[in-house]
Protein backbone atom coordinates (compact mmCIF):
# COMPACT_ATOMS: atom_id res chain seq x y z
CA UNK A 1 76.48 -39.59 -38.28
CA UNK A 2 76.73 -39.93 -42.04
CA UNK A 3 74.15 -39.01 -44.62
CA UNK A 4 73.36 -42.66 -45.33
CA UNK A 5 72.69 -43.37 -41.62
CA UNK A 6 70.48 -40.27 -41.30
CA UNK A 7 68.49 -41.29 -44.38
CA UNK A 8 68.01 -44.81 -43.02
CA UNK A 9 66.84 -43.42 -39.67
CA UNK A 10 64.26 -41.17 -41.36
CA UNK A 11 62.93 -44.07 -43.46
CA UNK A 12 62.60 -46.23 -40.34
CA UNK A 13 60.73 -43.46 -38.53
CA UNK A 14 58.25 -43.06 -41.41
CA UNK A 15 57.62 -46.82 -41.46
CA UNK A 16 56.95 -46.87 -37.71
CA UNK A 17 54.44 -44.01 -37.99
CA UNK A 18 52.66 -45.78 -40.87
CA UNK A 19 52.42 -49.04 -38.93
CA UNK A 20 51.01 -47.25 -35.86
CA UNK A 21 48.41 -45.48 -38.01
CA UNK A 22 47.42 -48.77 -39.66
CA UNK A 23 46.96 -50.46 -36.29
CA UNK A 24 44.75 -47.63 -35.10
CA UNK A 25 42.61 -47.73 -38.24
CA UNK A 26 41.96 -51.51 -38.23
CA UNK A 27 40.83 -52.35 -34.71
CA UNK A 28 38.88 -55.63 -34.35
CA UNK A 29 35.11 -55.29 -34.60
CA UNK A 30 35.19 -51.62 -35.67
CA UNK A 31 35.02 -49.82 -38.98
CA UNK A 32 38.09 -48.06 -40.31
CA UNK A 33 38.38 -44.55 -38.91
CA UNK A 34 40.52 -41.56 -39.81
CA UNK A 35 40.35 -37.87 -39.17
CA UNK A 36 41.12 -35.24 -41.79
CA UNK A 37 43.09 -32.15 -40.88
CA UNK A 38 40.51 -29.98 -42.66
CA UNK A 39 37.49 -31.71 -41.07
CA UNK A 40 34.78 -29.41 -39.67
CA UNK A 41 33.77 -29.59 -36.01
CA UNK A 42 29.99 -29.10 -36.35
CA UNK A 43 27.88 -31.87 -37.82
CA UNK A 44 25.64 -29.42 -39.74
CA UNK A 45 27.64 -26.32 -40.50
CA UNK A 46 25.70 -23.09 -39.95
CA UNK A 47 22.54 -24.93 -38.93
CA UNK A 48 19.72 -22.32 -39.37
CA UNK A 49 18.08 -22.94 -36.03
CA UNK A 50 16.01 -19.73 -36.11
CA UNK A 51 14.52 -20.58 -39.52
CA UNK A 52 13.28 -24.04 -38.56
CA UNK A 53 9.47 -24.05 -38.35
CA UNK A 54 8.84 -27.77 -38.83
CA UNK A 55 10.55 -30.94 -37.64
CA UNK A 56 9.57 -34.36 -38.95
CA UNK A 57 10.96 -37.56 -37.42
CA UNK A 58 10.13 -40.82 -39.18
CA UNK A 59 10.96 -44.50 -39.27
CA UNK A 60 9.71 -47.20 -41.62
CA UNK A 61 6.62 -47.70 -39.39
CA UNK A 62 5.64 -44.36 -37.83
CA UNK A 63 6.35 -40.64 -37.80
CA UNK A 64 5.67 -37.43 -35.90
CA UNK A 65 5.50 -33.88 -37.25
CA UNK A 66 6.09 -30.84 -35.05
CA UNK A 67 5.05 -27.48 -36.44
CA UNK A 68 5.41 -24.00 -35.05
CA UNK A 69 2.01 -22.29 -34.80
CA UNK A 70 0.90 -18.87 -33.57
CA UNK A 71 0.82 -19.97 -29.93
CA UNK A 72 3.84 -22.29 -30.05
CA UNK A 73 4.84 -25.74 -31.27
CA UNK A 74 2.08 -28.23 -32.11
CA UNK A 75 1.80 -31.97 -32.86
CA UNK A 76 0.22 -32.45 -36.29
CA UNK A 77 -0.72 -36.11 -35.72
CA UNK A 78 -2.82 -35.07 -32.72
CA UNK A 79 -4.94 -32.42 -34.39
CA UNK A 80 -2.43 -29.62 -33.84
CA UNK A 81 -2.53 -30.17 -30.07
CA UNK A 82 0.05 -28.15 -28.14
CA UNK A 83 3.51 -29.71 -27.98
CA UNK A 84 6.14 -29.38 -25.28
CA UNK A 85 7.76 -26.29 -26.71
CA UNK A 86 10.75 -26.46 -24.39
CA UNK A 87 11.41 -30.05 -25.47
CA UNK A 88 11.33 -29.09 -29.17
CA UNK A 89 13.65 -26.11 -28.63
CA UNK A 90 16.04 -28.27 -26.60
CA UNK A 91 16.17 -30.79 -29.46
CA UNK A 92 16.92 -28.08 -32.03
CA UNK A 93 19.73 -26.72 -29.86
CA UNK A 94 21.15 -30.25 -29.65
CA UNK A 95 21.38 -30.43 -33.46
CA UNK A 96 22.77 -26.89 -33.68
CA UNK A 97 25.65 -27.62 -31.28
CA UNK A 98 26.34 -31.26 -32.23
CA UNK A 99 30.04 -31.99 -32.66
CA UNK A 100 31.69 -34.68 -34.77
CA UNK A 101 33.70 -37.27 -32.87
CA UNK A 102 35.17 -39.02 -35.92
CA UNK A 103 34.93 -38.93 -39.68
CA UNK A 104 34.28 -42.51 -40.81
CA UNK A 105 35.94 -43.28 -44.14
CA UNK A 106 33.57 -45.77 -45.78
CA UNK A 107 32.18 -46.20 -49.25
CA UNK A 108 28.56 -46.65 -50.32
CA UNK A 109 28.96 -50.42 -50.11
CA UNK A 110 29.38 -50.07 -46.34
CA UNK A 111 26.28 -47.91 -45.73
CA UNK A 112 24.13 -50.93 -45.04
CA UNK A 113 26.56 -52.13 -42.38
CA UNK A 114 26.01 -48.88 -40.51
CA UNK A 115 22.23 -48.81 -41.23
CA UNK A 116 22.55 -45.74 -43.42
CA UNK A 117 21.08 -46.89 -46.72
CA UNK A 118 18.75 -44.12 -47.98
CA UNK A 119 15.10 -45.14 -47.96
CA UNK A 120 13.51 -45.74 -51.36
CA UNK A 121 10.04 -44.25 -51.60
CA UNK A 122 7.24 -46.70 -52.30
CA UNK A 123 9.38 -49.78 -51.69
CA UNK A 124 9.61 -52.21 -48.79
CA UNK A 125 12.21 -51.63 -46.13
CA UNK A 126 15.61 -53.12 -46.90
CA UNK A 127 18.08 -54.57 -44.47
CA UNK A 128 20.52 -51.87 -43.42
CA UNK A 129 18.20 -48.99 -44.29
CA UNK A 130 18.31 -45.73 -42.37
CA UNK A 131 16.82 -46.37 -38.92
CA UNK A 132 15.48 -42.86 -38.46
CA UNK A 133 15.28 -39.76 -40.66
CA UNK A 134 14.88 -36.18 -39.39
CA UNK A 135 13.74 -33.38 -41.71
CA UNK A 136 14.14 -29.72 -40.80
CA UNK A 137 11.91 -27.32 -42.79
CA UNK A 138 11.14 -23.60 -42.83
CA UNK A 139 7.65 -22.08 -42.55
CA UNK A 140 7.06 -22.51 -46.30
CA UNK A 141 7.82 -26.24 -46.05
CA UNK A 142 11.22 -26.04 -47.74
CA UNK A 143 13.75 -28.60 -46.48
CA UNK A 144 16.67 -26.87 -44.78
CA UNK A 145 18.53 -30.06 -43.84
CA UNK A 146 17.99 -33.82 -43.62
CA UNK A 147 19.76 -36.00 -41.09
CA UNK A 148 19.99 -39.81 -41.26
CA UNK A 149 20.41 -41.69 -37.98
CA UNK A 150 22.10 -45.06 -38.32
CA UNK A 151 23.48 -47.74 -36.04
CA UNK A 152 24.31 -47.07 -32.38
CA UNK A 153 27.96 -47.05 -31.38
CA UNK A 154 28.52 -49.21 -28.30
CA UNK A 155 31.36 -49.44 -25.83
CA UNK A 156 32.37 -52.59 -23.98
CA UNK A 157 32.00 -52.25 -20.22
CA UNK A 158 34.32 -53.87 -17.70
CA UNK A 159 31.50 -56.01 -16.27
CA UNK A 160 29.43 -58.97 -17.44
CA UNK A 161 26.05 -58.43 -19.06
CA UNK A 162 23.12 -59.03 -16.69
CA UNK A 163 21.45 -60.92 -19.57
CA UNK A 164 24.43 -63.18 -20.16
CA UNK A 165 26.28 -63.76 -23.39
CA UNK A 166 29.45 -61.81 -22.69
CA UNK A 167 30.44 -58.39 -21.37
CA UNK A 168 27.97 -55.57 -20.89
CA UNK A 169 27.68 -52.96 -23.65
CA UNK A 170 26.57 -49.34 -23.38
CA UNK A 171 25.48 -46.93 -26.13
CA UNK A 172 27.72 -43.87 -26.27
CA UNK A 173 27.22 -42.55 -29.79
CA UNK A 174 25.65 -43.03 -33.21
CA UNK A 175 26.62 -43.17 -36.86
CA UNK A 176 24.95 -40.39 -38.85
CA UNK A 177 24.91 -39.03 -42.37
CA UNK A 178 23.63 -35.82 -43.94
CA UNK A 179 21.58 -36.10 -47.13
CA UNK A 180 23.39 -34.98 -50.31
CA UNK A 181 26.71 -35.47 -48.55
CA UNK A 182 28.98 -38.49 -48.91
CA UNK A 183 30.43 -38.10 -45.43
CA UNK A 184 29.62 -40.56 -42.62
CA UNK A 185 30.24 -39.38 -39.08
CA UNK A 186 30.30 -40.71 -35.57
CA UNK A 187 28.78 -38.37 -32.96
CA UNK A 188 28.64 -38.64 -29.21
CA UNK A 189 24.82 -38.55 -29.07
CA UNK A 190 22.31 -41.44 -29.18
CA UNK A 191 19.26 -39.25 -30.00
CA UNK A 192 17.11 -40.95 -27.34
CA UNK A 193 14.73 -37.94 -27.36
CA UNK A 194 14.02 -38.24 -31.10
CA UNK A 195 10.84 -40.23 -30.40
CA UNK A 196 8.37 -40.96 -33.20
CA UNK A 197 5.45 -41.53 -30.79
CA UNK A 198 3.29 -38.36 -31.01
CA UNK A 199 2.02 -38.77 -27.43
CA UNK A 200 5.57 -38.27 -26.11
CA UNK A 201 5.64 -34.71 -27.49
CA UNK A 202 2.25 -33.54 -26.14
CA UNK A 203 2.15 -30.70 -23.63
CA UNK A 204 1.31 -32.29 -20.26
CA UNK A 205 -0.60 -29.30 -18.85
CA UNK A 206 -4.16 -30.35 -17.95
CA UNK A 207 -7.18 -29.03 -16.07
CA UNK A 208 -6.91 -28.82 -12.29
CA UNK A 209 -9.82 -28.56 -9.82
CA UNK A 210 -9.18 -26.80 -6.49
CA UNK A 211 -11.30 -26.02 -3.40
CA UNK A 212 -14.37 -28.06 -4.28
CA UNK A 213 -17.65 -26.67 -2.99
CA UNK A 214 -19.99 -29.34 -4.37
CA UNK A 215 -19.55 -32.57 -6.32
CA UNK A 216 -22.21 -34.76 -7.89
CA UNK A 217 -22.15 -38.02 -9.85
CA UNK A 218 -24.70 -39.12 -12.44
CA UNK A 219 -24.38 -42.70 -13.63
CA UNK A 220 -27.88 -43.36 -14.91
CA UNK A 221 -28.74 -45.32 -11.75
CA UNK A 222 -30.39 -42.87 -9.33
CA UNK A 223 -30.19 -45.35 -6.46
CA UNK A 224 -26.38 -45.27 -6.66
CA UNK A 225 -25.92 -41.56 -7.44
CA UNK A 226 -25.05 -38.94 -4.81
CA UNK A 227 -24.29 -35.26 -4.26
CA UNK A 228 -21.94 -33.78 -1.66
CA UNK A 229 -21.61 -30.13 -0.67
CA UNK A 230 -20.07 -27.92 2.02
CA UNK A 231 -20.32 -24.28 3.08
CA UNK A 232 -16.61 -23.47 3.59
CA UNK A 233 -13.31 -24.75 2.17
CA UNK A 234 -12.26 -26.43 5.43
CA UNK A 235 -15.67 -27.92 6.19
CA UNK A 236 -16.93 -31.50 5.90
CA UNK A 237 -19.07 -32.69 3.02
CA UNK A 238 -22.78 -33.23 3.66
CA UNK A 239 -24.67 -35.88 1.68
CA UNK A 240 -27.88 -34.69 0.06
CA UNK A 241 -31.09 -36.65 0.70
CA UNK A 242 -29.91 -39.03 3.43
CA UNK A 243 -32.56 -41.72 3.98
CA UNK A 244 -33.69 -43.13 7.33
CA UNK A 245 -32.01 -46.48 6.74
CA UNK A 246 -28.70 -44.90 5.62
CA UNK A 247 -25.74 -44.22 7.91
CA UNK A 248 -23.67 -41.59 6.13
CA UNK A 249 -19.94 -41.57 6.96
CA UNK A 250 -18.35 -38.17 6.33
CA UNK A 251 -14.84 -39.62 6.60
CA UNK A 252 -15.50 -41.79 3.56
CA UNK A 253 -16.23 -38.68 1.51
CA UNK A 254 -12.87 -37.06 2.29
CA UNK A 255 -11.37 -38.46 -0.92
CA UNK A 256 -13.78 -36.32 -2.92
CA UNK A 257 -12.12 -33.14 -1.63
CA UNK A 258 -9.10 -33.90 -3.85
CA UNK A 259 -11.03 -35.10 -6.89
CA UNK A 260 -9.16 -34.18 -10.10
CA UNK A 261 -6.69 -32.08 -8.11
CA UNK A 262 -3.72 -33.17 -10.24
CA UNK A 263 -4.91 -35.26 -13.19
CA UNK A 264 -2.66 -36.29 -16.06
CA UNK A 265 -3.47 -37.68 -19.48
CA UNK A 266 -1.65 -40.27 -21.61
CA UNK A 267 -2.83 -39.31 -25.08
CA UNK A 268 -5.31 -37.26 -27.13
CA UNK A 269 -7.67 -39.04 -29.51
CA UNK A 270 -8.62 -37.61 -32.89
CA UNK A 271 -10.63 -38.64 -35.92
CA UNK A 272 -12.64 -41.87 -35.78
CA UNK A 273 -11.13 -42.81 -32.42
CA UNK A 274 -12.74 -39.71 -30.89
CA UNK A 275 -16.05 -39.96 -32.77
CA UNK A 276 -17.88 -41.66 -29.89
CA UNK A 277 -17.74 -39.40 -26.85
CA UNK A 278 -17.41 -41.00 -23.38
CA UNK A 279 -20.77 -40.94 -21.60
CA UNK A 280 -20.77 -43.76 -19.01
CA UNK A 281 -20.86 -41.36 -16.05
CA UNK A 282 -20.84 -37.61 -15.48
CA UNK A 283 -19.28 -35.60 -12.66
CA UNK A 284 -20.47 -32.05 -12.01
CA UNK A 285 -18.16 -30.08 -9.74
CA UNK A 286 -18.35 -26.50 -8.42
CA UNK A 287 -15.49 -24.68 -6.71
CA UNK A 288 -15.42 -21.78 -4.26
CA UNK A 289 -13.66 -19.70 -6.95
CA UNK A 290 -16.74 -19.90 -9.20
CA UNK A 291 -15.60 -22.61 -11.65
CA UNK A 292 -18.11 -25.21 -12.85
CA UNK A 293 -16.74 -28.44 -14.37
CA UNK A 294 -18.55 -31.17 -16.28
CA UNK A 295 -16.32 -34.24 -16.56
CA UNK A 296 -17.61 -37.19 -18.60
CA UNK A 297 -15.99 -40.62 -18.43
CA UNK A 298 -16.40 -43.81 -20.47
CA UNK A 299 -15.95 -47.49 -19.67
CA UNK A 300 -12.66 -48.71 -18.24
CA UNK A 301 -10.72 -50.77 -20.81
CA UNK A 302 -8.51 -53.82 -20.34
CA UNK A 303 -5.46 -51.60 -19.86
CA UNK A 304 -7.03 -49.80 -16.86
CA UNK A 305 -7.64 -46.65 -18.88
CA UNK A 306 -10.62 -44.33 -19.30
CA UNK A 307 -11.62 -41.94 -22.05
CA UNK A 308 -12.49 -38.52 -20.64
CA UNK A 309 -13.83 -35.13 -21.72
CA UNK A 310 -13.99 -31.91 -19.72
CA UNK A 311 -15.97 -28.69 -20.14
CA UNK A 312 -15.63 -25.68 -17.86
CA UNK A 313 -17.42 -22.39 -17.26
CA UNK A 314 -16.84 -19.83 -14.57
CA UNK A 315 -18.39 -16.81 -12.88
CA UNK A 316 -15.45 -14.81 -11.58
CA UNK A 317 -15.88 -11.98 -9.08
CA UNK A 318 -13.74 -9.14 -10.42
CA UNK A 319 -14.54 -6.69 -7.60
CA UNK A 320 -12.95 -7.08 -4.21
CA UNK A 321 -15.30 -6.72 -1.25
CA UNK A 322 -14.67 -3.63 0.90
CA UNK A 323 -12.98 -4.20 4.25
CA UNK A 324 -14.03 -2.10 7.22
CA UNK A 325 -11.36 0.17 8.76
CA UNK A 326 -8.81 -0.86 6.11
CA UNK A 327 -5.87 1.53 5.84
CA UNK A 328 -4.90 3.09 2.52
CA UNK A 329 -1.64 1.18 2.49
CA UNK A 330 -3.36 -2.16 3.13
CA UNK A 331 -6.08 -1.39 0.58
CA UNK A 332 -3.52 -0.71 -2.13
CA UNK A 333 -1.59 -3.87 -1.36
CA UNK A 334 -4.73 -6.03 -1.17
CA UNK A 335 -6.15 -4.57 -4.39
CA UNK A 336 -2.95 -5.45 -6.25
CA UNK A 337 -2.99 -9.00 -4.89
CA UNK A 338 -6.67 -9.39 -5.84
CA UNK A 339 -6.03 -8.11 -9.39
CA UNK A 340 -3.16 -10.56 -9.81
CA UNK A 341 -5.34 -13.43 -8.58
CA UNK A 342 -8.18 -12.53 -10.96
CA UNK A 343 -5.75 -12.38 -13.87
CA UNK A 344 -4.45 -15.85 -13.04
CA UNK A 345 -8.02 -17.18 -12.81
CA UNK A 346 -8.86 -15.75 -16.24
CA UNK A 347 -5.77 -17.38 -17.76
CA UNK A 348 -6.70 -20.68 -16.14
CA UNK A 349 -10.24 -20.42 -17.50
CA UNK A 350 -9.02 -19.63 -21.01
CA UNK A 351 -6.67 -22.61 -21.06
CA UNK A 352 -9.20 -25.08 -19.64
CA UNK A 353 -11.81 -23.90 -22.13
CA UNK A 354 -9.38 -24.86 -24.90
CA UNK A 355 -9.67 -28.49 -23.75
CA UNK A 356 -13.39 -28.57 -24.49
CA UNK A 357 -14.41 -31.09 -27.14
CA UNK A 358 -11.16 -33.07 -27.01
CA UNK A 359 -11.10 -36.72 -25.93
CA UNK A 360 -8.30 -37.69 -23.57
CA UNK A 361 -7.00 -41.07 -22.50
CA UNK A 362 -6.23 -41.21 -18.75
CA UNK A 363 -5.03 -43.82 -16.29
CA UNK A 364 -7.61 -45.39 -13.97
CA UNK A 365 -6.25 -43.68 -10.83
CA UNK A 366 -7.46 -40.31 -12.16
CA UNK A 367 -11.09 -41.46 -11.94
CA UNK A 368 -11.18 -44.35 -9.44
CA UNK A 369 -10.85 -42.14 -6.35
CA UNK A 370 -14.14 -40.38 -7.16
CA UNK A 371 -15.96 -43.16 -9.01
CA UNK A 372 -17.92 -44.38 -5.96
CA UNK A 373 -21.41 -45.72 -5.44
CA UNK A 374 -23.75 -44.27 -2.82
CA UNK A 375 -23.23 -47.36 -0.64
CA UNK A 376 -19.49 -46.59 -0.51
CA UNK A 377 -20.26 -43.40 1.44
CA UNK A 378 -22.07 -45.26 4.23
CA UNK A 379 -20.75 -46.68 7.49
CA UNK A 380 -19.86 -50.35 7.20
CA UNK A 381 -21.12 -52.87 9.77
CA UNK A 382 -18.28 -54.20 11.88
CA UNK A 383 -17.83 -58.01 11.89
CA UNK A 384 -18.81 -59.87 15.07
CA UNK A 385 -15.97 -60.06 17.60
CA UNK A 386 -14.18 -63.42 17.75
CA UNK A 387 -14.60 -64.49 14.15
CA UNK A 388 -17.60 -66.61 13.18
CA UNK A 389 -20.80 -66.15 15.16
CA UNK A 390 -21.31 -68.58 18.05
CA UNK A 391 -17.88 -70.17 17.89
CA UNK A 392 -14.43 -69.89 19.41
CA UNK A 393 -12.09 -67.53 17.55
CA UNK A 394 -10.10 -69.26 14.86
CA UNK A 395 -11.88 -72.65 15.12
CA UNK A 396 -13.39 -73.99 11.90
CA UNK A 397 -16.89 -75.35 11.60
CA UNK A 398 -17.31 -78.96 12.71
CA UNK A 399 -15.07 -78.69 15.80
CA UNK A 400 -16.05 -78.08 19.43
CA UNK A 401 -16.46 -74.36 19.85
CA UNK A 402 -16.00 -73.71 16.12
CA UNK A 403 -18.40 -71.76 13.94
CA UNK A 404 -21.42 -73.89 13.17
CA UNK A 405 -20.59 -76.70 15.64
CA UNK A 406 -21.14 -80.37 14.85
CA UNK A 407 -23.90 -81.43 12.49
CA UNK A 408 -27.08 -81.37 14.45
CA UNK A 409 -25.65 -79.02 17.02
CA UNK A 410 -28.04 -76.26 16.05
CA UNK A 411 -25.24 -73.94 15.02
CA UNK A 412 -24.50 -73.01 18.63
CA UNK A 413 -20.81 -73.69 18.18
CA UNK A 414 -20.45 -76.05 21.20
CA UNK A 415 -21.50 -79.69 21.89
CA UNK A 416 -25.13 -80.03 23.02
CA UNK A 417 -25.70 -82.24 26.10
CA UNK A 418 -27.65 -84.85 24.15
CA UNK A 419 -24.82 -85.07 21.58
CA UNK A 420 -22.25 -85.46 24.34
CA UNK A 421 -24.33 -88.29 25.81
CA UNK A 422 -24.33 -90.04 22.42
CA UNK A 423 -20.56 -89.76 22.20
CA UNK A 424 -20.07 -91.25 25.68
CA UNK A 425 -22.57 -94.02 24.94
CA UNK A 426 -20.40 -95.26 22.05
CA UNK A 427 -22.73 -94.27 19.23
CA UNK A 428 -21.15 -93.72 15.81
CA UNK A 429 -21.23 -89.99 15.14
CA UNK A 430 -21.88 -88.22 11.80
CA UNK A 431 -18.75 -86.85 10.16
CA UNK A 432 -16.58 -89.88 10.92
CA UNK A 433 -16.03 -89.29 14.68
CA UNK A 434 -15.15 -92.70 16.22
CA UNK A 435 -17.20 -93.93 19.19
CA UNK A 436 -15.64 -94.13 22.62
CA UNK A 437 -14.89 -97.73 23.49
CA UNK A 438 -17.39 -98.59 26.19
CA UNK A 439 -19.33 -101.70 27.22
CA UNK A 440 -22.74 -102.21 25.65
CA UNK A 441 -24.15 -103.90 28.81
CA UNK A 442 -24.90 -101.86 31.96
CA UNK A 443 -22.48 -102.51 34.81
CA UNK A 444 -23.87 -104.51 37.82
CA UNK A 445 -24.59 -102.71 41.06
CA UNK A 446 -22.14 -104.82 43.06
CA UNK A 447 -18.66 -105.87 42.00
CA UNK A 448 -18.11 -109.55 41.09
CA UNK A 449 -14.94 -111.31 42.32
CA UNK A 450 -12.35 -111.81 39.61
CA UNK A 451 -12.29 -115.40 38.27
CA UNK A 452 -9.32 -117.40 37.12
CA UNK A 453 -8.22 -117.00 33.53
CA UNK A 454 -8.90 -119.75 31.01
CA UNK A 455 -12.53 -120.66 31.97
CA UNK A 456 -15.54 -119.31 30.05
CA UNK A 457 -17.20 -118.05 33.22
CA UNK A 458 -14.07 -116.16 34.16
CA UNK A 459 -14.04 -114.37 30.83
CA UNK A 460 -17.54 -113.10 31.34
CA UNK A 461 -16.75 -111.91 34.86
CA UNK A 462 -13.59 -110.12 33.65
CA UNK A 463 -15.62 -108.24 31.03
CA UNK A 464 -18.05 -107.09 33.66
CA UNK A 465 -15.19 -105.98 35.89
CA UNK A 466 -13.80 -103.77 33.10
CA UNK A 467 -17.23 -102.26 32.55
CA UNK A 468 -17.56 -101.48 36.22
CA UNK A 469 -14.16 -99.75 36.32
CA UNK A 470 -15.01 -97.66 33.30
CA UNK A 471 -18.22 -96.43 34.85
CA UNK A 472 -16.87 -95.99 38.36
CA UNK A 473 -13.77 -94.02 37.33
CA UNK A 474 -15.54 -91.72 34.86
CA UNK A 475 -13.87 -93.31 31.79
CA UNK A 476 -10.39 -92.76 33.24
CA UNK A 477 -9.61 -96.47 32.88
CA UNK A 478 -9.93 -98.04 29.45
CA UNK A 479 -10.72 -101.53 28.23
CA UNK A 480 -7.01 -102.12 27.55
CA UNK A 481 -6.60 -102.98 31.27
CA UNK A 482 -8.48 -106.22 30.71
CA UNK A 483 -6.68 -109.29 29.34
CA UNK A 484 -6.65 -109.47 25.53
CA UNK A 485 -8.61 -112.75 25.26
CA UNK A 486 -11.51 -111.13 27.12
CA UNK A 487 -11.52 -107.97 24.97
CA UNK A 488 -11.98 -109.70 21.57
CA UNK A 489 -15.33 -111.42 22.22
CA UNK A 490 -16.75 -108.14 23.56
CA UNK A 491 -15.70 -106.31 20.41
CA UNK A 492 -17.27 -108.94 18.13
CA UNK A 493 -20.44 -108.83 20.15
CA UNK A 494 -20.63 -105.08 19.76
CA UNK A 495 -20.22 -105.39 15.97
CA UNK A 496 -23.06 -107.87 15.71
CA UNK A 497 -25.43 -105.83 17.86
CA UNK A 498 -28.24 -104.05 16.00
CA UNK A 499 -27.39 -100.60 14.74
CA UNK A 500 -28.85 -97.72 16.69
CA UNK A 501 -30.76 -94.89 14.97
CA UNK A 502 -27.76 -92.60 15.31
CA UNK A 503 -25.55 -95.04 13.39
CA UNK A 504 -27.76 -94.88 10.32
CA UNK A 505 -26.85 -91.24 9.62
CA UNK A 506 -24.35 -90.75 6.73
CA UNK A 507 -20.91 -89.48 7.56
CA UNK A 508 -20.19 -85.81 6.99
CA UNK A 509 -18.66 -85.12 3.60
CA UNK A 510 -20.04 -88.37 2.05
CA UNK A 511 -23.27 -88.73 0.11
CA UNK A 512 -25.92 -90.99 1.56
CA UNK A 513 -25.85 -94.53 0.20
CA UNK A 514 -22.31 -94.41 -1.22
CA UNK A 515 -18.65 -94.38 -0.29
CA UNK A 516 -17.47 -91.93 -2.94
CA UNK A 517 -16.23 -88.60 -1.73
CA UNK A 518 -18.27 -85.49 -2.57
CA UNK A 519 -15.06 -83.53 -3.23
CA UNK A 520 -14.94 -81.95 -6.69
CA UNK A 521 -12.08 -83.02 -9.01
CA UNK A 522 -9.12 -80.65 -9.13
CA UNK A 523 -9.12 -78.19 -12.03
CA UNK A 524 -6.63 -78.98 -14.73
């Protein structure tokens, strides 16, 4: 191979490498990316994690400030209420160990495209501004580092989006920038835990009531208030002041045994929001361990939430009662266990006392299980067997055997004999019940021979014959057995006959003197 051929081959190789690099850097729908040989691995080099004493996370609309106090991390926007220290430490460790995936080579003109335009103080938010800014400060308030969080980096999934409009996308990273640094980086973290809602950082530990000895409610209505108590932890509650006309049901009071056994709160109110203390109802609870709780609750709001305060005092027994014939070994072991238990009770008391004076927002389930009226603790009368009184099960009013019976039936649920007689006699019944077709003239005592058809006398005899058959057979035969010409005059005659008193009654469901229905118009 000559020198010219070798030179040509090297030039071709360089061109191929350049083309491959260009294709990689200009993928459709993505920004240009390249990686420097001298690029650092950590996003924030030498991040001073042990010097951070304050973390502030803010957007254009809200912010949260976490400060390290004497007893741990606190949420400034909630009156320095205790924060989830483990959650704050975990977040700081995330920043400390965050690696760069790619160094994005873009100029300032492209910052808006990645939502990394620095926010201008005192001015309205611009399109493409930094979505979220995180400040890390030391205990003197000096800024150690500032991190800008920009647009999410999404990856196309090999499945359609459940919302339509193309393939499904998933967030796998985020574009970020460090203040006072021109570099823009892509990291494999979405920062989902960097929440600006202060309530999401609050320590969830709350008061907990165990082994209730007595519980009492005071609502301002003495007739509805009650007090329950028991002598031993496994005993049943006894209602105080049971009246002669009350039937107390101990099983209905079982829910009170677990009152406030594992409550949780949603938020802590401060400032003007906490100025008016909740005072709709008060619960006073004593435990077998000597704790006394006063829990006050306000009105339930439209979101099924209550405002709540809690105050606690306790009389703890710090001396273990002597046990007869207890060995030295058992005494030593039991004394140690008792000392450990007393220590835990003191720590519990100290923490729950720290909640005094604070107003908490809780879900309705925390209170609803104990928010009962006195009547809710009584035995409930069982409904009469068979549905409605005096009727057949499942039959509606207005039917034979149904609840309430026919109109005029006296509510007995069946058909009274006199009403049955009216039905059989052909009288028009209230409620639209049609009369039974039956002759209006009494049948003769002796049968009359059937006459030939076509003569007036024969028609009259045929009508009487039908009437006799109806009466003799107990209404088994109907007037349809008679020839049609004979049936029509009888029907006309019945229509012209004077109305009986029973026919004057209005039909059920219609107002007297009118044909309009009493049914209300449908709501629009």
